[in-house]
Each structure stands twice: as structure tokens, then as C-alpha cells.
C-alpha atoms as a PDB file:
ATOM      1  CA  UNK A   1     185.073 208.107 131.243  1.00  0.00           C
ATOM      2  CA  UNK A   2     182.783 209.014 134.173  1.00  0.00           C
ATOM      3  CA  UNK A   3     180.597 206.228 135.537  1.00  0.00           C
ATOM      4  CA  UNK A   4     177.592 208.573 135.204  1.00  0.00           C
ATOM      5  CA  UNK A   5     177.601 211.298 132.564  1.00  0.00           C
ATOM      6  CA  UNK A   6     174.728 213.710 131.864  1.00  0.00           C
ATOM      7  CA  UNK A   7     174.879 216.251 129.048  1.00  0.00           C
ATOM      8  CA  UNK A   8     172.276 218.996 128.594  1.00  0.00           C
ATOM      9  CA  UNK A   9     169.580 216.785 130.127  1.00  0.00           C
ATOM     10  CA  UNK A  10     166.034 218.120 130.263  1.00  0.00           C
ATOM     11  CA  UNK A  11     162.876 216.578 131.699  1.00  0.00           C
ATOM     12  CA  UNK A  12     159.520 218.209 131.038  1.00  0.00           C
ATOM     13  CA  UNK A  13     156.353 216.767 132.562  1.00  0.00           C
ATOM     14  CA  UNK A  14     153.048 217.465 130.779  1.00  0.00           C
ATOM     15  CA  UNK A  15     150.520 219.785 132.345  1.00  0.00           C
ATOM     16  CA  UNK A  16     148.594 218.184 135.205  1.00  0.00           C
ATOM     17  CA  UNK A  17     145.323 219.671 133.988  1.00  0.00           C
ATOM     18  CA  UNK A  18     143.798 220.984 130.798  1.00  0.00           C
ATOM     19  CA  UNK A  19     144.532 224.598 131.705  1.00  0.00           C
ATOM     20  CA  UNK A  20     147.856 223.955 133.379  1.00  0.00           C
ATOM     21  CA  UNK A  21     151.369 224.380 132.047  1.00  0.00           C
ATOM     22  CA  UNK A  22     154.098 221.796 131.458  1.00  0.00           C
ATOM     23  CA  UNK A  23     156.614 221.464 134.296  1.00  0.00           C
ATOM     24  CA  UNK A  24     160.310 221.664 133.454  1.00  0.00           C
ATOM     25  CA  UNK A  25     161.683 219.556 136.320  1.00  0.00           C
ATOM     26  CA  UNK A  26     165.222 219.241 134.914  1.00  0.00           C
ATOM     27  CA  UNK A  27     166.605 222.082 132.844  1.00  0.00           C
ATOM     28  CA  UNK A  28     169.810 221.557 130.894  1.00  0.00           C
ATOM     29  CA  UNK A  29     171.819 219.616 133.488  1.00  0.00           C
ATOM     30  CA  UNK A  30     175.422 218.549 132.942  1.00  0.00           C
ATOM     31  CA  UNK A  31     176.937 216.219 135.536  1.00  0.00           C
ATOM     32  CA  UNK A  32     179.896 213.839 135.807  1.00  0.00           C
ATOM     33  CA  UNK A  33     180.136 211.253 138.579  1.00  0.00           C
ATOM     34  CA  UNK A  34     183.477 209.463 138.581  1.00  0.00           C
ATOM     35  CA  UNK A  35     183.854 205.838 139.613  1.00  0.00           C
ATOM     36  CA  UNK A  36     184.482 205.689 143.355  1.00  0.00           C
ATOM     37  CA  UNK A  37     182.790 209.021 144.126  1.00  0.00           C
ATOM     38  CA  UNK A  38     180.321 209.589 146.909  1.00  0.00           C
ATOM     39  CA  UNK A  39     178.417 212.407 145.230  1.00  0.00           C
ATOM     40  CA  UNK A  40     175.772 214.424 147.081  1.00  0.00           C
ATOM     41  CA  UNK A  41     172.882 216.004 145.177  1.00  0.00           C
ATOM     42  CA  UNK A  42     171.315 218.693 147.382  1.00  0.00           C
ATOM     43  CA  UNK A  43     168.226 220.813 146.931  1.00  0.00           C
ATOM     44  CA  UNK A  44     165.051 221.960 148.596  1.00  0.00           C
ATOM     45  CA  UNK A  45     161.712 220.349 147.774  1.00  0.00           C
ATOM     46  CA  UNK A  46     160.918 220.800 144.098  1.00  0.00           C
ATOM     47  CA  UNK A  47     164.531 221.465 143.079  1.00  0.00           C
ATOM     48  CA  UNK A  48     164.539 218.429 140.775  1.00  0.00           C
ATOM     49  CA  UNK A  49     166.970 216.172 142.629  1.00  0.00           C
ATOM     50  CA  UNK A  50     164.666 213.126 142.880  1.00  0.00           C
ATOM     51  CA  UNK A  51     163.701 213.463 139.218  1.00  0.00           C
ATOM     52  CA  UNK A  52     167.402 213.562 138.373  1.00  0.00           C
ATOM     53  CA  UNK A  53     168.043 210.286 140.175  1.00  0.00           C
ATOM     54  CA  UNK A  54     165.075 208.638 138.432  1.00  0.00           C
ATOM     55  CA  UNK A  55     166.578 209.656 135.094  1.00  0.00           C
ATOM     56  CA  UNK A  56     169.870 207.995 136.018  1.00  0.00           C
ATOM     57  CA  UNK A  57     168.184 204.633 136.676  1.00  0.00           C
ATOM     58  CA  UNK A  58     165.772 205.144 133.759  1.00  0.00           C
ATOM     59  CA  UNK A  59     162.614 205.100 135.871  1.00  0.00           C
ATOM     60  CA  UNK A  60     161.937 208.367 134.036  1.00  0.00           C
ATOM     61  CA  UNK A  61     162.816 209.102 130.414  1.00  0.00           C
ATOM     62  CA  UNK A  62     164.676 212.301 129.581  1.00  0.00           C
ATOM     63  CA  UNK A  63     162.881 214.733 127.288  1.00  0.00           C
ATOM     64  CA  UNK A  64     166.204 215.643 125.697  1.00  0.00           C
ATOM     65  CA  UNK A  65     169.928 215.303 126.256  1.00  0.00           C
ATOM     66  CA  UNK A  66     172.290 212.405 126.841  1.00  0.00           C
ATOM     67  CA  UNK A  67     172.613 210.095 129.862  1.00  0.00           C
ATOM     68  CA  UNK A  68     175.403 207.520 129.953  1.00  0.00           C
ATOM     69  CA  UNK A  69     175.785 204.984 132.761  1.00  0.00           C
ATOM     70  CA  UNK A  70     178.934 202.846 132.802  1.00  0.00           C
ATOM     71  CA  UNK A  71     179.540 203.727 129.163  1.00  0.00           C
ATOM     72  CA  UNK A  72     176.018 202.886 127.956  1.00  0.00           C
ATOM     73  CA  UNK A  73     173.757 205.567 126.509  1.00  0.00           C
ATOM     74  CA  UNK A  74     170.437 204.823 128.225  1.00  0.00           C
ATOM     75  CA  UNK A  75     168.207 207.370 126.503  1.00  0.00           C
ATOM     76  CA  UNK A  76     166.197 205.571 123.873  1.00  0.00           C
ATOM     77  CA  UNK A  77     166.992 202.032 125.070  1.00  0.00           C
ATOM     78  CA  UNK A  78     164.297 199.392 124.952  1.00  0.00           C
ATOM     79  CA  UNK A  79     162.815 198.231 128.261  1.00  0.00           C
ATOM     80  CA  UNK A  80     164.547 194.865 127.855  1.00  0.00           C
ATOM     81  CA  UNK A  81     167.982 196.470 127.545  1.00  0.00           C
ATOM     82  CA  UNK A  82     167.193 198.892 130.361  1.00  0.00           C
ATOM     83  CA  UNK A  83     166.580 195.949 132.676  1.00  0.00           C
ATOM     84  CA  UNK A  84     170.164 194.852 132.071  1.00  0.00           C
ATOM     85  CA  UNK A  85     171.464 198.365 132.828  1.00  0.00           C
ATOM     86  CA  UNK A  86     169.394 198.569 136.025  1.00  0.00           C
ATOM     87  CA  UNK A  87     171.037 195.408 137.378  1.00  0.00           C
ATOM     88  CA  UNK A  88     174.194 197.473 137.673  1.00  0.00           C
ATOM     89  CA  UNK A  89     172.377 200.144 139.687  1.00  0.00           C
ATOM     90  CA  UNK A  90     171.216 199.641 143.280  1.00  0.00           C
ATOM     91  CA  UNK A  91     168.567 201.851 144.872  1.00  0.00           C
ATOM     92  CA  UNK A  92     167.663 202.613 148.490  1.00  0.00           C
ATOM     93  CA  UNK A  93     164.667 204.686 149.520  1.00  0.00           C
ATOM     94  CA  UNK A  94     163.453 206.984 152.277  1.00  0.00           C
ATOM     95  CA  UNK A  95     160.564 204.682 153.224  1.00  0.00           C
ATOM     96  CA  UNK A  96     162.598 201.460 152.732  1.00  0.00           C
ATOM     97  CA  UNK A  97     160.122 199.905 150.217  1.00  0.00           C
ATOM     98  CA  UNK A  98     160.519 196.434 151.719  1.00  0.00           C
ATOM     99  CA  UNK A  99     158.147 193.549 151.038  1.00  0.00           C
ATOM    100  CA  UNK A 100     156.166 193.023 154.254  1.00  0.00           C
ATOM    101  CA  UNK A 101     155.154 189.494 153.241  1.00  0.00           C
ATOM    102  CA  UNK A 102     158.801 188.412 153.131  1.00  0.00           C
ATOM    103  CA  UNK A 103     161.460 187.948 155.777  1.00  0.00           C
ATOM    104  CA  UNK A 104     164.761 189.816 155.762  1.00  0.00           C
ATOM    105  CA  UNK A 105     166.244 186.910 153.801  1.00  0.00           C
ATOM    106  CA  UNK A 106     163.313 186.958 151.377  1.00  0.00           C
ATOM    107  CA  UNK A 107     163.728 190.673 150.686  1.00  0.00           C
ATOM    108  CA  UNK A 108     167.452 190.447 149.987  1.00  0.00           C
ATOM    109  CA  UNK A 109     167.195 187.363 147.756  1.00  0.00           C
ATOM    110  CA  UNK A 110     164.324 188.797 145.707  1.00  0.00           C
ATOM    111  CA  UNK A 111     166.430 190.732 143.122  1.00  0.00           C
ATOM    112  CA  UNK A 112     168.638 187.651 142.697  1.00  0.00           C
ATOM    113  CA  UNK A 113     165.578 185.529 141.966  1.00  0.00           C
ATOM    114  CA  UNK A 114     164.380 188.086 139.415  1.00  0.00           C
ATOM    115  CA  UNK A 115     167.845 188.016 137.808  1.00  0.00           C
ATOM    116  CA  UNK A 116     167.697 184.201 137.560  1.00  0.00           C
ATOM    117  CA  UNK A 117     170.648 183.524 139.863  1.00  0.00           C
ATOM    118  CA  UNK A 118     170.959 179.887 140.967  1.00  0.00           C
ATOM    119  CA  UNK A 119     169.707 178.912 144.428  1.00  0.00           C
ATOM    120  CA  UNK A 120     173.068 178.033 145.972  1.00  0.00           C
ATOM    121  CA  UNK A 121     174.793 181.128 144.601  1.00  0.00           C
ATOM    122  CA  UNK A 122     171.911 183.355 145.720  1.00  0.00           C
ATOM    123  CA  UNK A 123     171.886 181.870 149.220  1.00  0.00           C
ATOM    124  CA  UNK A 124     175.635 182.452 149.585  1.00  0.00           C
ATOM    125  CA  UNK A 125     175.275 186.039 148.383  1.00  0.00           C
ATOM    126  CA  UNK A 126     172.454 186.795 150.840  1.00  0.00           C
ATOM    127  CA  UNK A 127     174.422 185.323 153.735  1.00  0.00           C
ATOM    128  CA  UNK A 128     177.435 187.437 152.763  1.00  0.00           C
ATOM    129  CA  UNK A 129     175.384 190.632 152.558  1.00  0.00           C
ATOM    130  CA  UNK A 130     173.486 190.103 155.813  1.00  0.00           C
ATOM    131  CA  UNK A 131     176.822 189.598 157.538  1.00  0.00           C
ATOM    132  CA  UNK A 132     178.131 192.788 155.922  1.00  0.00           C
ATOM    133  CA  UNK A 133     175.198 194.930 157.123  1.00  0.00           C
ATOM    134  CA  UNK A 134     175.122 193.319 160.581  1.00  0.00           C
ATOM    135  CA  UNK A 135     171.789 191.496 160.282  1.00  0.00           C
ATOM    136  CA  UNK A 136     172.798 187.837 159.981  1.00  0.00           C
ATOM    137  CA  UNK A 137     170.792 186.963 163.095  1.00  0.00           C
ATOM    138  CA  UNK A 138     167.675 188.641 161.631  1.00  0.00           C
ATOM    139  CA  UNK A 139     167.557 186.586 158.421  1.00  0.00           C
ATOM    140  CA  UNK A 140     164.231 184.899 159.247  1.00  0.00           C
ATOM    141  CA  UNK A 141     162.616 187.944 160.883  1.00  0.00           C
ATOM    142  CA  UNK A 142     159.762 189.736 159.122  1.00  0.00           C
ATOM    143  CA  UNK A 143     160.442 193.385 158.345  1.00  0.00           C
ATOM    144  CA  UNK A 144     157.577 194.697 160.505  1.00  0.00           C
ATOM    145  CA  UNK A 145     159.564 193.538 163.530  1.00  0.00           C
ATOM    146  CA  UNK A 146     162.602 195.651 162.665  1.00  0.00           C
ATOM    147  CA  UNK A 147     163.590 199.160 163.709  1.00  0.00           C
ATOM    148  CA  UNK A 148     163.924 201.911 161.109  1.00  0.00           C
ATOM    149  CA  UNK A 149     167.695 201.569 161.035  1.00  0.00           C
ATOM    150  CA  UNK A 150     167.482 197.807 160.613  1.00  0.00           C
ATOM    151  CA  UNK A 151     164.961 198.218 157.776  1.00  0.00           C
ATOM    152  CA  UNK A 152     167.315 200.569 155.974  1.00  0.00           C
ATOM    153  CA  UNK A 153     170.193 198.113 156.383  1.00  0.00           C
ATOM    154  CA  UNK A 154     167.972 195.465 154.770  1.00  0.00           C
ATOM    155  CA  UNK A 155     167.331 197.960 151.989  1.00  0.00           C
ATOM    156  CA  UNK A 156     171.067 198.461 151.516  1.00  0.00           C
ATOM    157  CA  UNK A 157     171.711 194.705 151.456  1.00  0.00           C
ATOM    158  CA  UNK A 158     168.948 194.245 148.871  1.00  0.00           C
ATOM    159  CA  UNK A 159     170.363 197.080 146.744  1.00  0.00           C
ATOM    160  CA  UNK A 160     173.778 195.390 146.782  1.00  0.00           C
ATOM    161  CA  UNK A 161     172.472 191.926 145.916  1.00  0.00           C
ATOM    162  CA  UNK A 162     173.273 192.052 142.195  1.00  0.00           C
ATOM    163  CA  UNK A 163     176.750 193.564 142.798  1.00  0.00           C
ATOM    164  CA  UNK A 164     175.992 196.968 141.263  1.00  0.00           C
ATOM    165  CA  UNK A 165     178.684 199.480 140.351  1.00  0.00           C
ATOM    166  CA  UNK A 166     176.379 202.375 141.272  1.00  0.00           C
ATOM    167  CA  UNK A 167     174.176 202.878 144.340  1.00  0.00           C
ATOM    168  CA  UNK A 168     171.487 205.565 144.400  1.00  0.00           C
ATOM    169  CA  UNK A 169     170.309 206.727 147.835  1.00  0.00           C
ATOM    170  CA  UNK A 170     167.169 208.880 147.663  1.00  0.00           C
ATOM    171  CA  UNK A 171     166.650 210.653 151.025  1.00  0.00           C
ATOM    172  CA  UNK A 172     167.716 207.368 152.603  1.00  0.00           C
ATOM    173  CA  UNK A 173     168.136 208.788 156.128  1.00  0.00           C
ATOM    174  CA  UNK A 174     165.268 211.290 156.265  1.00  0.00           C
ATOM    175  CA  UNK A 175     162.991 208.900 158.192  1.00  0.00           C
ATOM    176  CA  UNK A 176     165.664 208.058 160.790  1.00  0.00           C
ATOM    177  CA  UNK A 177     166.707 209.614 164.088  1.00  0.00           C
ATOM    178  CA  UNK A 178     170.141 211.342 164.266  1.00  0.00           C
ATOM    179  CA  UNK A 179     171.988 208.429 165.891  1.00  0.00           C
ATOM    180  CA  UNK A 180     170.584 205.863 163.452  1.00  0.00           C
ATOM    181  CA  UNK A 181     171.309 208.253 160.578  1.00  0.00           C
ATOM    182  CA  UNK A 182     174.998 208.257 161.483  1.00  0.00           C
ATOM    183  CA  UNK A 183     175.022 204.450 161.662  1.00  0.00           C
ATOM    184  CA  UNK A 184     173.482 204.162 158.188  1.00  0.00           C
ATOM    185  CA  UNK A 185     175.876 206.770 156.768  1.00  0.00           C
ATOM    186  CA  UNK A 186     178.823 204.875 158.254  1.00  0.00           C
ATOM    187  CA  UNK A 187     177.547 201.723 156.526  1.00  0.00           C
ATOM    188  CA  UNK A 188     177.263 203.560 153.214  1.00  0.00           C
ATOM    189  CA  UNK A 189     180.825 204.796 153.616  1.00  0.00           C
ATOM    190  CA  UNK A 190     181.915 201.160 154.095  1.00  0.00           C
ATOM    191  CA  UNK A 191     180.008 200.226 150.930  1.00  0.00           C
ATOM    192  CA  UNK A 192     182.025 202.832 149.076  1.00  0.00           C
ATOM    193  CA  UNK A 193     185.426 202.162 150.626  1.00  0.00           C
ATOM    194  CA  UNK A 194     185.361 198.378 151.015  1.00  0.00           C
ATOM    195  CA  UNK A 195     183.266 197.364 148.006  1.00  0.00           C
ATOM    196  CA  UNK A 196     184.347 200.178 145.694  1.00  0.00           C
ATOM    197  CA  UNK A 197     180.769 201.127 144.822  1.00  0.00           C
ATOM    198  CA  UNK A 198     180.029 204.624 143.552  1.00  0.00           C
ATOM    199  CA  UNK A 199     177.200 206.327 145.477  1.00  0.00           C
ATOM    200  CA  UNK A 200     174.900 209.196 144.547  1.00  0.00           C
ATOM    201  CA  UNK A 201     173.171 210.592 147.640  1.00  0.00           C
ATOM    202  CA  UNK A 202     170.004 212.654 147.189  1.00  0.00           C
ATOM    203  CA  UNK A 203     169.265 214.762 150.266  1.00  0.00           C
ATOM    204  CA  UNK A 204     168.106 218.104 151.593  1.00  0.00           C
ATOM    205  CA  UNK A 205     170.311 217.758 154.676  1.00  0.00           C
ATOM    206  CA  UNK A 206     173.785 219.272 154.524  1.00  0.00           C
ATOM    207  CA  UNK A 207     174.821 217.247 157.575  1.00  0.00           C
ATOM    208  CA  UNK A 208     174.429 214.121 155.432  1.00  0.00           C
ATOM    209  CA  UNK A 209     176.636 215.617 152.711  1.00  0.00           C
ATOM    210  CA  UNK A 210     179.211 216.679 155.287  1.00  0.00           C
ATOM    211  CA  UNK A 211     179.298 213.189 156.822  1.00  0.00           C
ATOM    212  CA  UNK A 212     179.657 211.059 153.710  1.00  0.00           C
ATOM    213  CA  UNK A 213     180.124 212.893 150.403  1.00  0.00           C
ATOM    214  CA  UNK A 214     183.333 213.782 148.572  1.00  0.00           C
ATOM    215  CA  UNK A 215     181.630 216.019 146.010  1.00  0.00           C
ATOM    216  CA  UNK A 216     178.344 217.895 145.954  1.00  0.00           C
ATOM    217  CA  UNK A 217     176.017 219.517 143.431  1.00  0.00           C
ATOM    218  CA  UNK A 218     173.388 222.016 144.573  1.00  0.00           C
ATOM    219  CA  UNK A 219     170.134 222.132 142.603  1.00  0.00           C
ATOM    220  CA  UNK A 220     167.524 224.865 142.316  1.00  0.00           C
ATOM    221  CA  UNK A 221     164.707 225.134 139.792  1.00  0.00           C
ATOM    222  CA  UNK A 222     165.828 222.049 137.908  1.00  0.00           C
ATOM    223  CA  UNK A 223     169.372 223.361 137.397  1.00  0.00           C
ATOM    224  CA  UNK A 224     172.700 222.698 139.079  1.00  0.00           C
ATOM    225  CA  UNK A 225     173.688 226.101 140.438  1.00  0.00           C
ATOM    226  CA  UNK A 226     176.916 225.086 142.175  1.00  0.00           C
ATOM    227  CA  UNK A 227     179.145 222.023 142.334  1.00  0.00           C
ATOM    228  CA  UNK A 228     182.555 220.923 143.519  1.00  0.00           C
ATOM    229  CA  UNK A 229     184.452 219.232 146.309  1.00  0.00           C
ATOM    230  CA  UNK A 230     182.437 219.338 149.529  1.00  0.00           C
ATOM    231  CA  UNK A 231     185.106 221.295 151.401  1.00  0.00           C
ATOM    232  CA  UNK A 232     185.329 223.934 148.668  1.00  0.00           C
ATOM    233  CA  UNK A 233     181.558 224.396 148.408  1.00  0.00           C
ATOM    234  CA  UNK A 234     181.028 224.482 152.177  1.00  0.00           C
ATOM    235  CA  UNK A 235     183.916 226.826 152.926  1.00  0.00           C
ATOM    236  CA  UNK A 236     183.168 229.313 150.139  1.00  0.00           C
ATOM    237  CA  UNK A 237     179.572 228.966 148.872  1.00  0.00           C
ATOM    238  CA  UNK A 238     178.767 231.168 145.871  1.00  0.00           C
ATOM    239  CA  UNK A 239     175.054 230.705 145.101  1.00  0.00           C
ATOM    240  CA  UNK A 240     172.463 232.124 147.483  1.00  0.00           C
ATOM    241  CA  UNK A 241     170.733 228.759 147.861  1.00  0.00           C
ATOM    242  CA  UNK A 242     174.078 227.142 148.722  1.00  0.00           C
ATOM    243  CA  UNK A 243     174.725 229.761 151.388  1.00  0.00           C
ATOM    244  CA  UNK A 244     171.308 228.966 152.877  1.00  0.00           C
ATOM    245  CA  UNK A 245     172.164 225.270 153.026  1.00  0.00           C
ATOM    246  CA  UNK A 246     175.635 225.821 154.449  1.00  0.00           C
ATOM    247  CA  UNK A 247     174.266 228.170 157.129  1.00  0.00           C
ATOM    248  CA  UNK A 248     172.388 225.201 158.631  1.00  0.00           C
ATOM    249  CA  UNK A 249     175.669 223.685 159.790  1.00  0.00           C
ATOM    250  CA  UNK A 250     178.184 226.554 159.659  1.00  0.00           C
ATOM    251  CA  UNK A 251     177.610 229.763 161.614  1.00  0.00           C
ATOM    252  CA  UNK A 252     178.341 232.942 159.693  1.00  0.00           C
ATOM    253  CA  UNK A 253     177.740 236.444 161.008  1.00  0.00           C
ATOM    254  CA  UNK A 254     175.243 236.923 163.857  1.00  0.00           C
ATOM    255  CA  UNK A 255     172.135 238.716 162.627  1.00  0.00           C
ATOM    256  CA  UNK A 256     171.361 242.254 163.814  1.00  0.00           C
ATOM    257  CA  UNK A 257     169.209 241.104 166.734  1.00  0.00           C
ATOM    258  CA  UNK A 258     171.768 238.562 167.931  1.00  0.00           C
ATOM    259  CA  UNK A 259     174.563 241.092 167.500  1.00  0.00           C
ATOM    260  CA  UNK A 260     172.724 243.617 169.689  1.00  0.00           C
ATOM    261  CA  UNK A 261     172.318 241.004 172.445  1.00  0.00           C
ATOM    262  CA  UNK A 262     175.991 240.080 172.226  1.00  0.00           C
ATOM    263  CA  UNK A 263     177.101 243.709 172.450  1.00  0.00           C
ATOM    264  CA  UNK A 264     174.973 244.177 175.562  1.00  0.00           C
ATOM    265  CA  UNK A 265     176.917 241.369 177.271  1.00  0.00           C
ATOM    266  CA  UNK A 266     180.420 241.814 175.890  1.00  0.00           C
ATOM    267  CA  UNK A 267     182.541 244.991 175.748  1.00  0.00           C
ATOM    268  CA  UNK A 268     185.016 245.806 173.015  1.00  0.00           C
ATOM    269  CA  UNK A 269     185.201 245.757 169.222  1.00  0.00           C
ATOM    270  CA  UNK A 270     183.607 242.846 167.376  1.00  0.00           C
ATOM    271  CA  UNK A 271     185.549 241.081 164.616  1.00  0.00           C
ATOM    272  CA  UNK A 272     184.535 238.128 162.427  1.00  0.00           C
ATOM    273  CA  UNK A 273     187.434 235.807 161.530  1.00  0.00           C
ATOM    274  CA  UNK A 274     186.875 233.568 158.505  1.00  0.00           C
ATOM    275  CA  UNK A 275     189.088 230.481 158.639  1.00  0.00           C
ATOM    276  CA  UNK A 276     189.385 228.921 155.179  1.00  0.00           C
ATOM    277  CA  UNK A 277     193.009 227.843 154.775  1.00  0.00           C
ATOM    278  CA  UNK A 278     193.691 224.638 156.756  1.00  0.00           C
ATOM    279  CA  UNK A 279     197.339 225.733 157.013  1.00  0.00           C
ATOM    280  CA  UNK A 280     196.354 228.699 159.214  1.00  0.00           C
ATOM    281  CA  UNK A 281     196.094 227.680 162.868  1.00  0.00           C
ATOM    282  CA  UNK A 282     193.752 229.446 165.249  1.00  0.00           C
ATOM    283  CA  UNK A 283     196.526 229.539 167.836  1.00  0.00           C
ATOM    284  CA  UNK A 284     198.737 231.599 165.522  1.00  0.00           C
ATOM    285  CA  UNK A 285     195.947 234.118 164.979  1.00  0.00           C
ATOM    286  CA  UNK A 286     195.212 234.422 168.685  1.00  0.00           C
ATOM    287  CA  UNK A 287     198.936 234.882 169.376  1.00  0.00           C
ATOM    288  CA  UNK A 288     198.840 238.149 167.399  1.00  0.00           C
ATOM    289  CA  UNK A 289     196.244 239.440 169.859  1.00  0.00           C
ATOM    290  CA  UNK A 290     198.067 238.219 172.952  1.00  0.00           C
ATOM    291  CA  UNK A 291     201.367 239.675 171.731  1.00  0.00           C
ATOM    292  CA  UNK A 292     199.781 243.141 171.695  1.00  0.00           C
ATOM    293  CA  UNK A 293     197.947 242.810 174.998  1.00  0.00           C
ATOM    294  CA  UNK A 294     194.489 242.600 173.409  1.00  0.00           C
ATOM    295  CA  UNK A 295     191.976 240.639 175.480  1.00  0.00           C
ATOM    296  CA  UNK A 296     189.613 238.559 173.345  1.00  0.00           C
ATOM    297  CA  UNK A 297     186.497 236.456 173.873  1.00  0.00           C
ATOM    298  CA  UNK A 298     184.747 234.111 171.446  1.00  0.00           C
ATOM    299  CA  UNK A 299     181.102 235.210 171.311  1.00  0.00           C
ATOM    300  CA  UNK A 300     179.693 233.537 168.189  1.00  0.00           C
ATOM    301  CA  UNK A 301     180.463 230.949 165.511  1.00  0.00           C
ATOM    302  CA  UNK A 302     182.218 227.630 165.240  1.00  0.00           C
ATOM    303  CA  UNK A 303     184.719 225.489 163.365  1.00  0.00           C
ATOM    304  CA  UNK A 304     183.742 222.519 161.195  1.00  0.00           C
ATOM    305  CA  UNK A 305     185.805 219.525 160.065  1.00  0.00           C
ATOM    306  CA  UNK A 306     185.375 217.937 156.639  1.00  0.00           C
ATOM    307  CA  UNK A 307     187.698 215.129 155.707  1.00  0.00           C
ATOM    308  CA  UNK A 308     190.318 216.301 158.168  1.00  0.00           C
ATOM    309  CA  UNK A 309     190.248 219.900 156.893  1.00  0.00           C
ATOM    310  CA  UNK A 310     188.821 222.613 159.118  1.00  0.00           C
ATOM    311  CA  UNK A 311     187.061 225.868 158.342  1.00  0.00           C
ATOM    312  CA  UNK A 312     184.565 228.162 159.990  1.00  0.00           C
ATOM    313  CA  UNK A 313     183.637 231.637 161.168  1.00  0.00           C
ATOM    314  CA  UNK A 314     184.404 233.005 164.619  1.00  0.00           C
ATOM    315  CA  UNK A 315     183.203 236.322 166.028  1.00  0.00           C
ATOM    316  CA  UNK A 316     185.469 237.736 168.740  1.00  0.00           C
ATOM    317  CA  UNK A 317     185.020 240.644 171.122  1.00  0.00           C
ATOM    318  CA  UNK A 318     188.362 242.455 171.346  1.00  0.00           C
ATOM    319  CA  UNK A 319     189.177 244.662 174.333  1.00  0.00           C
ATOM    320  CA  UNK A 320     192.258 246.843 174.332  1.00  0.00           C
ATOM    321  CA  UNK A 321     193.689 250.159 173.231  1.00  0.00           C
ATOM    322  CA  UNK A 322     192.458 251.075 169.734  1.00  0.00           C
ATOM    323  CA  UNK A 323     196.018 251.317 168.406  1.00  0.00           C
ATOM    324  CA  UNK A 324     196.841 247.834 169.716  1.00  0.00           C
ATOM    325  CA  UNK A 325     193.647 246.358 168.256  1.00  0.00           C
ATOM    326  CA  UNK A 326     194.318 248.036 164.897  1.00  0.00           C
ATOM    327  CA  UNK A 327     197.889 246.723 164.883  1.00  0.00           C
ATOM    328  CA  UNK A 328     196.703 243.194 165.722  1.00  0.00           C
ATOM    329  CA  UNK A 329     194.049 243.250 162.987  1.00  0.00           C
ATOM    330  CA  UNK A 330     196.619 244.351 160.408  1.00  0.00           C
ATOM    331  CA  UNK A 331     198.782 241.360 161.341  1.00  0.00           C
ATOM    332  CA  UNK A 332     195.823 238.958 161.352  1.00  0.00           C
ATOM    333  CA  UNK A 333     194.603 240.124 157.936  1.00  0.00           C
ATOM    334  CA  UNK A 334     197.889 238.987 156.439  1.00  0.00           C
ATOM    335  CA  UNK A 335     196.808 235.438 157.355  1.00  0.00           C
ATOM    336  CA  UNK A 336     193.007 235.322 157.074  1.00  0.00           C
ATOM    337  CA  UNK A 337     189.930 237.412 156.288  1.00  0.00           C
ATOM    338  CA  UNK A 338     189.128 239.527 159.371  1.00  0.00           C
ATOM    339  CA  UNK A 339     186.088 241.774 159.209  1.00  0.00           C
ATOM    340  CA  UNK A 340     185.223 244.300 161.918  1.00  0.00           C
ATOM    341  CA  UNK A 341     181.495 244.493 162.618  1.00  0.00           C
ATOM    342  CA  UNK A 342     180.140 248.033 162.750  1.00  0.00           C
END
């Protein structure tokens, strides 16, 4: 059984004004998140991803459909029973949501106090978590004195305090600089690998998904329009919105204006090579060109690595006799997709 299971889930918000219309924020979503997954939920603003995460931790109530978390159907539960379910779900936020009146220690121990954990046990748990996130020396520091990355590490420690099985990260790196973002993502990966905690990551940044997630679902208009293993979705996106997201980190074809500039600087015939099969080495493809005396130059594109598997799009300028270029392209097309640009 999946740790998180959604079936035909819908969330409709009432009209904001007398003459307005209801807003269907989530529209018939099915989703399975297996225990141990790091699952990315991606979408532009208004896609419904944050509403989806609030349904999972029951901060919002589904209009219809079924939501099961760790085997418990949470739709229709009383608030008292929901509090028990929420103890198994940790949450970290974009703006940290720390208590300014409390120290680092005070923030992390707070959910343990709410849960009624004994003082000695709570103290030991806080010490363990602050050591884990690298903030043991900051225990008695107030949060206003911390950097953004340190604040988010406090947020992660607090979210882990009650030993949840599931951690929800809602745009948890959007307020951080790139270097700090990578540090926080590395910490989340440790949470998953060392503590065995399942993570759902809500983001609009594909770089975040690429860095940490195993699986991804792409949302648009309250629906999931594409899902799968991150490598599969990135290397062969099907939905238009997915292609837009993937294009932010993976170069495809140069647009007409860029292509004209490239042709002005580079002679020869232009070919786009689409590397998708990790078993196909670039060197073997280039050898087909060299073997036939075709001179080539990389003019556009790049190769990405996801979980040790590479893919990408490279545009080459090929210079040689037409017959030799044609012969080389025939050989290359037996290995990968090679498209000549008119």
C-alpha cells in the first residue's frame, strides 16, 4: 500500500465574491507516493500544487474523493483524530515559519511539548536533531540571528521532531540563494536516505526536482498532466507544460533567431543529436563522423546527469562532402535520433 494515496480528489473553493465563481483548485487527482520516495510536485503558480499538499496534511478538506495517509482514510476524520495523523507528517515552509520569541532549541522542542513528550526524552530528541542538521552550537540562539539556510535547517529539525514517516516541503528553497539551496537539498536527501523518511517536494523549480527527487508529477489547472520517474519525464517530456519546465534546465533546439546567429558563425550542415539511451556513448557517435572525415563542432546544447544517467540535446555543425555527411548520419541514426535542421 502506498504511504500516500489519492483517488479522484477534488477541491473546490467557494466564490470569493457574490458575483464570482467557485474555484476548482484540484480536479480529479490520482496519486500514489510509495514509502521511501522523494516525490516532486511541480507546477506554475495557480497549478494547485500547494493546495494538494494541504489536502495531504488535512489543513484543507477535500470536496470529494479519497485521501489515505499511512493506511488511514483522512477525509471525514474528526479534528481530534486528524491531530494524531498530523504527528506522522512533518512540514517545512518557504518562509520558515519559526517562532521569533523562541531560541533554536525552543522551536525544535515545541512540537514535542504539544505532543506531551516527557522533558528528558524531548531534550534528548532535540539534541539529536540539532546535531543531525549541524546546528548544535546554535541551540540557544534566537532565530533572528540566523541566516536563511540556518533557519531552514531549524525548520527541518522541527519537522522531524515527532519522528514522522512523511515530510512535506512546500517551496522550501525558494527564499534561498543557489549555494544554500544545494546545502538544504543535500540535507533533505540525508533525511530520506539515513532516516528513511518519505518526502513530497512542492516546487516550481526543475533544478530542485533534478537534484533530489526520484519521481515527479507535473500539475496544470488542478490536474496532474504528466508523472513518472524523473529521468523518464525529463528526457522525454510529453505535455507542453512539462516541456516548458524541462527547457529551463535542458537545451533543446535553438530558436530561429539563435539558429541564424549560429549559421553566420559556423559553416556546414546543422544536426541536432538527441541522447536518450544511457548505453549510447557520445564518443561512439562522434567516431562515425571522424571515420568518414566529417569535421564537426558543437554549437548549441548540453548534457544533463540525473542519478548517474545522462541525456541531452546537442546541435553540431558538420563540414564535409555531402555524401560523407549523409553516410555518417545514416550510421548515427541507427544509434540515436539525429535531426538535420533546415
